[in-house]
């Protein structure tokens, strides 16, 4: 068997990367909606602004981390 025939083709690798980009993009959208829900929840419970800011910082970091991973994945596709 030829080793080249068992390696994934460029198109197959690109499909995997595109699927990963789509998944990460959906994750970013999910984090953003989580942030809005958290904001509403904390305000409805009468939590302080500091509580919201701390929770918001954690979610913002998760969004940034996901965005960075998304950017690196897009670069790999190109």
N, C-alpha and C. Protein backbone atom coordinates (compact mmCIF):
# COMPACT_ATOMS: atom_id res chain seq x y z
N UNK A 1 0.85 -1.18 0.00
CA UNK A 1 0.00 0.00 0.00
C UNK A 1 0.89 1.24 0.00
N UNK A 2 0.54 2.18 -0.79
CA UNK A 2 1.29 3.43 -0.90
C UNK A 2 0.97 4.32 0.30
N UNK A 3 2.01 4.83 0.96
CA UNK A 3 1.82 5.68 2.15
C UNK A 3 1.01 6.93 1.82
N UNK A 4 1.16 7.46 0.63
CA UNK A 4 0.43 8.67 0.22
C UNK A 4 -1.07 8.40 0.19
N UNK A 5 -1.47 7.21 -0.18
CA UNK A 5 -2.90 6.92 -0.29
C UNK A 5 -3.61 6.87 1.06
N UNK A 6 -2.86 6.64 2.15
CA UNK A 6 -3.53 6.60 3.45
C UNK A 6 -3.48 7.93 4.20
N UNK A 7 -2.68 8.86 3.72
CA UNK A 7 -2.63 10.18 4.36
C UNK A 7 -3.88 10.97 3.98
N UNK A 8 -4.38 11.79 4.90
CA UNK A 8 -5.55 12.61 4.55
C UNK A 8 -5.17 13.63 3.47
N UNK A 9 -6.09 13.83 2.57
CA UNK A 9 -5.83 14.81 1.52
C UNK A 9 -5.95 16.22 2.09
N UNK A 10 -5.45 17.16 1.35
CA UNK A 10 -5.52 18.57 1.77
C UNK A 10 -6.98 18.98 1.95
N UNK A 11 -7.85 18.54 1.05
CA UNK A 11 -9.27 18.89 1.14
C UNK A 11 -9.89 18.31 2.41
N UNK A 12 -9.52 17.08 2.75
CA UNK A 12 -10.05 16.47 3.97
C UNK A 12 -9.58 17.22 5.21
N UNK A 13 -8.31 17.61 5.23
CA UNK A 13 -7.79 18.37 6.37
C UNK A 13 -8.50 19.71 6.47
N UNK A 14 -8.73 20.34 5.33
CA UNK A 14 -9.41 21.64 5.32
C UNK A 14 -10.83 21.49 5.86
N UNK A 15 -11.53 20.42 5.49
CA UNK A 15 -12.88 20.19 6.00
C UNK A 15 -12.88 20.09 7.52
N UNK A 16 -11.89 19.41 8.07
CA UNK A 16 -11.79 19.27 9.52
C UNK A 16 -11.57 20.64 10.16
N UNK A 17 -10.67 21.45 9.57
CA UNK A 17 -10.41 22.78 10.11
C UNK A 17 -11.65 23.67 10.02
N UNK A 18 -12.35 23.60 8.90
CA UNK A 18 -13.56 24.41 8.74
C UNK A 18 -14.60 24.00 9.78
N UNK A 19 -14.74 22.71 10.02
CA UNK A 19 -15.69 22.24 11.03
C UNK A 19 -15.30 22.77 12.41
N UNK A 20 -14.00 22.79 12.70
CA UNK A 20 -13.51 23.31 13.98
C UNK A 20 -13.78 24.81 14.09
N UNK A 21 -13.59 25.54 13.01
CA UNK A 21 -13.85 26.99 13.01
C UNK A 21 -15.33 27.24 13.28
N UNK A 22 -16.20 26.49 12.64
CA UNK A 22 -17.64 26.65 12.84
C UNK A 22 -18.00 26.35 14.30
N UNK A 23 -17.45 25.27 14.85
CA UNK A 23 -17.72 24.92 16.24
C UNK A 23 -17.26 26.01 17.19
N UNK A 24 -16.07 26.54 16.96
CA UNK A 24 -15.54 27.59 17.83
C UNK A 24 -16.35 28.87 17.70
N UNK A 25 -16.79 29.19 16.49
CA UNK A 25 -17.62 30.38 16.30
C UNK A 25 -18.93 30.25 17.09
N UNK A 26 -19.52 29.06 17.08
CA UNK A 26 -20.74 28.84 17.85
C UNK A 26 -20.46 28.94 19.35
N UNK A 27 -19.29 28.50 19.77
CA UNK A 27 -18.91 28.60 21.18
C UNK A 27 -18.78 30.06 21.60
N UNK A 28 -18.20 30.89 20.75
CA UNK A 28 -18.07 32.32 21.05
C UNK A 28 -19.46 32.94 21.18
N UNK A 29 -20.36 32.61 20.26
CA UNK A 29 -21.72 33.14 20.35
C UNK A 29 -22.40 32.68 21.64
N UNK A 30 -22.15 31.43 22.04
CA UNK A 30 -22.71 30.91 23.28
C UNK A 30 -22.18 31.68 24.48
N UNK A 31 -20.87 31.95 24.51
CA UNK A 31 -20.29 32.70 25.62
C UNK A 31 -20.90 34.10 25.71
N UNK A 32 -21.12 34.72 24.56
CA UNK A 32 -21.71 36.06 24.57
C UNK A 32 -23.13 36.03 25.11
N UNK A 33 -23.91 35.02 24.75
CA UNK A 33 -25.27 34.93 25.28
C UNK A 33 -25.25 34.58 26.76
N UNK A 34 -24.27 33.77 27.18
CA UNK A 34 -24.10 33.48 28.61
C UNK A 34 -23.85 34.76 29.40
N UNK A 35 -23.04 35.62 28.84
CA UNK A 35 -22.70 36.88 29.51
C UNK A 35 -23.96 37.72 29.72
N UNK A 36 -24.80 37.79 28.70
CA UNK A 36 -26.04 38.56 28.83
C UNK A 36 -26.97 37.95 29.88
N UNK A 37 -27.08 36.62 29.87
CA UNK A 37 -27.92 35.95 30.87
C UNK A 37 -27.39 36.16 32.28
N UNK A 38 -26.09 36.09 32.43
CA UNK A 38 -25.47 36.31 33.73
C UNK A 38 -25.75 37.73 34.23
N UNK A 39 -25.65 38.67 33.33
CA UNK A 39 -25.91 40.07 33.68
C UNK A 39 -27.34 40.23 34.19
N UNK A 40 -28.29 39.65 33.48
CA UNK A 40 -29.70 39.74 33.89
C UNK A 40 -29.94 39.06 35.23
N UNK A 41 -29.35 37.87 35.40
CA UNK A 41 -29.51 37.12 36.63
C UNK A 41 -28.96 37.89 37.83
N UNK A 42 -27.76 38.40 37.70
CA UNK A 42 -27.14 39.12 38.81
C UNK A 42 -27.93 40.37 39.16
N UNK A 43 -28.43 41.05 38.15
CA UNK A 43 -29.22 42.26 38.42
C UNK A 43 -30.55 41.91 39.08
N UNK A 44 -31.16 40.81 38.65
CA UNK A 44 -32.46 40.43 39.23
C UNK A 44 -32.30 39.99 40.68
N UNK A 45 -31.13 39.48 41.04
CA UNK A 45 -30.88 39.06 42.42
C UNK A 45 -30.39 40.21 43.28
N UNK A 46 -30.24 41.37 42.68
CA UNK A 46 -29.77 42.52 43.45
C UNK A 46 -28.30 42.46 43.79
N UNK A 47 -27.54 41.70 43.03
CA UNK A 47 -26.11 41.59 43.27
C UNK A 47 -25.43 42.92 42.99
N UNK A 48 -24.30 43.09 43.62
CA UNK A 48 -23.57 44.35 43.44
C UNK A 48 -22.94 44.40 42.06
N UNK A 49 -22.56 45.59 41.68
CA UNK A 49 -21.88 45.79 40.41
C UNK A 49 -20.55 45.04 40.39
N UNK A 50 -19.91 44.94 41.55
CA UNK A 50 -18.63 44.25 41.63
C UNK A 50 -18.79 42.76 41.31
N UNK A 51 -19.88 42.15 41.79
CA UNK A 51 -20.15 40.75 41.47
C UNK A 51 -20.27 40.55 39.97
N UNK A 52 -21.00 41.47 39.35
CA UNK A 52 -21.18 41.38 37.90
C UNK A 52 -19.84 41.55 37.19
N UNK A 53 -19.06 42.53 37.62
CA UNK A 53 -17.78 42.79 36.97
C UNK A 53 -16.85 41.58 37.06
N UNK A 54 -16.80 40.94 38.22
CA UNK A 54 -15.95 39.76 38.39
C UNK A 54 -16.41 38.62 37.48
N UNK A 55 -17.71 38.38 37.46
CA UNK A 55 -18.25 37.32 36.61
C UNK A 55 -18.03 37.66 35.14
N UNK A 56 -18.21 38.93 34.81
CA UNK A 56 -18.04 39.39 33.43
C UNK A 56 -16.59 39.20 32.98
N UNK A 57 -15.64 39.49 33.85
CA UNK A 57 -14.22 39.33 33.51
C UNK A 57 -13.90 37.87 33.19
N UNK A 58 -14.45 36.95 33.97
CA UNK A 58 -14.20 35.53 33.72
C UNK A 58 -14.77 35.10 32.37
N UNK A 59 -15.99 35.55 32.08
CA UNK A 59 -16.59 35.20 30.79
C UNK A 59 -15.84 35.86 29.63
N UNK A 60 -15.43 37.12 29.83
CA UNK A 60 -14.69 37.82 28.78
C UNK A 60 -13.38 37.09 28.48
N UNK A 61 -12.72 36.59 29.51
CA UNK A 61 -11.47 35.84 29.30
C UNK A 61 -11.76 34.55 28.51
N UNK A 62 -12.85 33.87 28.84
CA UNK A 62 -13.21 32.65 28.11
C UNK A 62 -13.48 32.97 26.64
N UNK A 63 -14.15 34.08 26.39
CA UNK A 63 -14.43 34.50 25.01
C UNK A 63 -13.13 34.82 24.29
N UNK A 64 -12.24 35.56 24.95
CA UNK A 64 -10.96 35.92 24.33
C UNK A 64 -10.13 34.67 24.01
N UNK A 65 -10.10 33.73 24.95
CA UNK A 65 -9.35 32.49 24.72
C UNK A 65 -9.91 31.73 23.52
N UNK A 66 -11.23 31.68 23.43
CA UNK A 66 -11.86 30.98 22.32
C UNK A 66 -11.58 31.70 21.01
N UNK A 67 -11.64 33.04 21.03
CA UNK A 67 -11.34 33.83 19.83
C UNK A 67 -9.90 33.60 19.37
N UNK A 68 -8.96 33.57 20.30
CA UNK A 68 -7.56 33.33 19.94
C UNK A 68 -7.39 31.95 19.31
N UNK A 69 -8.05 30.96 19.88
CA UNK A 69 -7.98 29.61 19.31
C UNK A 69 -8.60 29.60 17.91
N UNK A 70 -9.70 30.32 17.76
CA UNK A 70 -10.37 30.42 16.46
C UNK A 70 -9.44 31.06 15.43
N UNK A 71 -8.77 32.14 15.81
CA UNK A 71 -7.85 32.81 14.89
C UNK A 71 -6.72 31.89 14.48
N UNK A 72 -6.15 31.15 15.42
CA UNK A 72 -5.05 30.25 15.08
C UNK A 72 -5.52 29.12 14.17
N UNK A 73 -6.75 28.68 14.36
CA UNK A 73 -7.30 27.62 13.51
C UNK A 73 -7.51 28.14 12.10
N UNK A 74 -8.01 29.38 11.98
CA UNK A 74 -8.22 29.97 10.66
C UNK A 74 -6.89 30.12 9.93
N UNK A 75 -5.85 30.53 10.64
CA UNK A 75 -4.53 30.68 10.04
C UNK A 75 -4.03 29.33 9.54
N UNK A 76 -4.29 28.26 10.28
CA UNK A 76 -3.86 26.93 9.87
C UNK A 76 -4.57 26.48 8.59
N UNK A 77 -5.81 26.89 8.42
CA UNK A 77 -6.57 26.50 7.23
C UNK A 77 -5.97 27.15 6.00
N UNK A 78 -5.60 28.42 6.13
CA UNK A 78 -5.03 29.16 5.00
C UNK A 78 -3.63 28.69 4.80
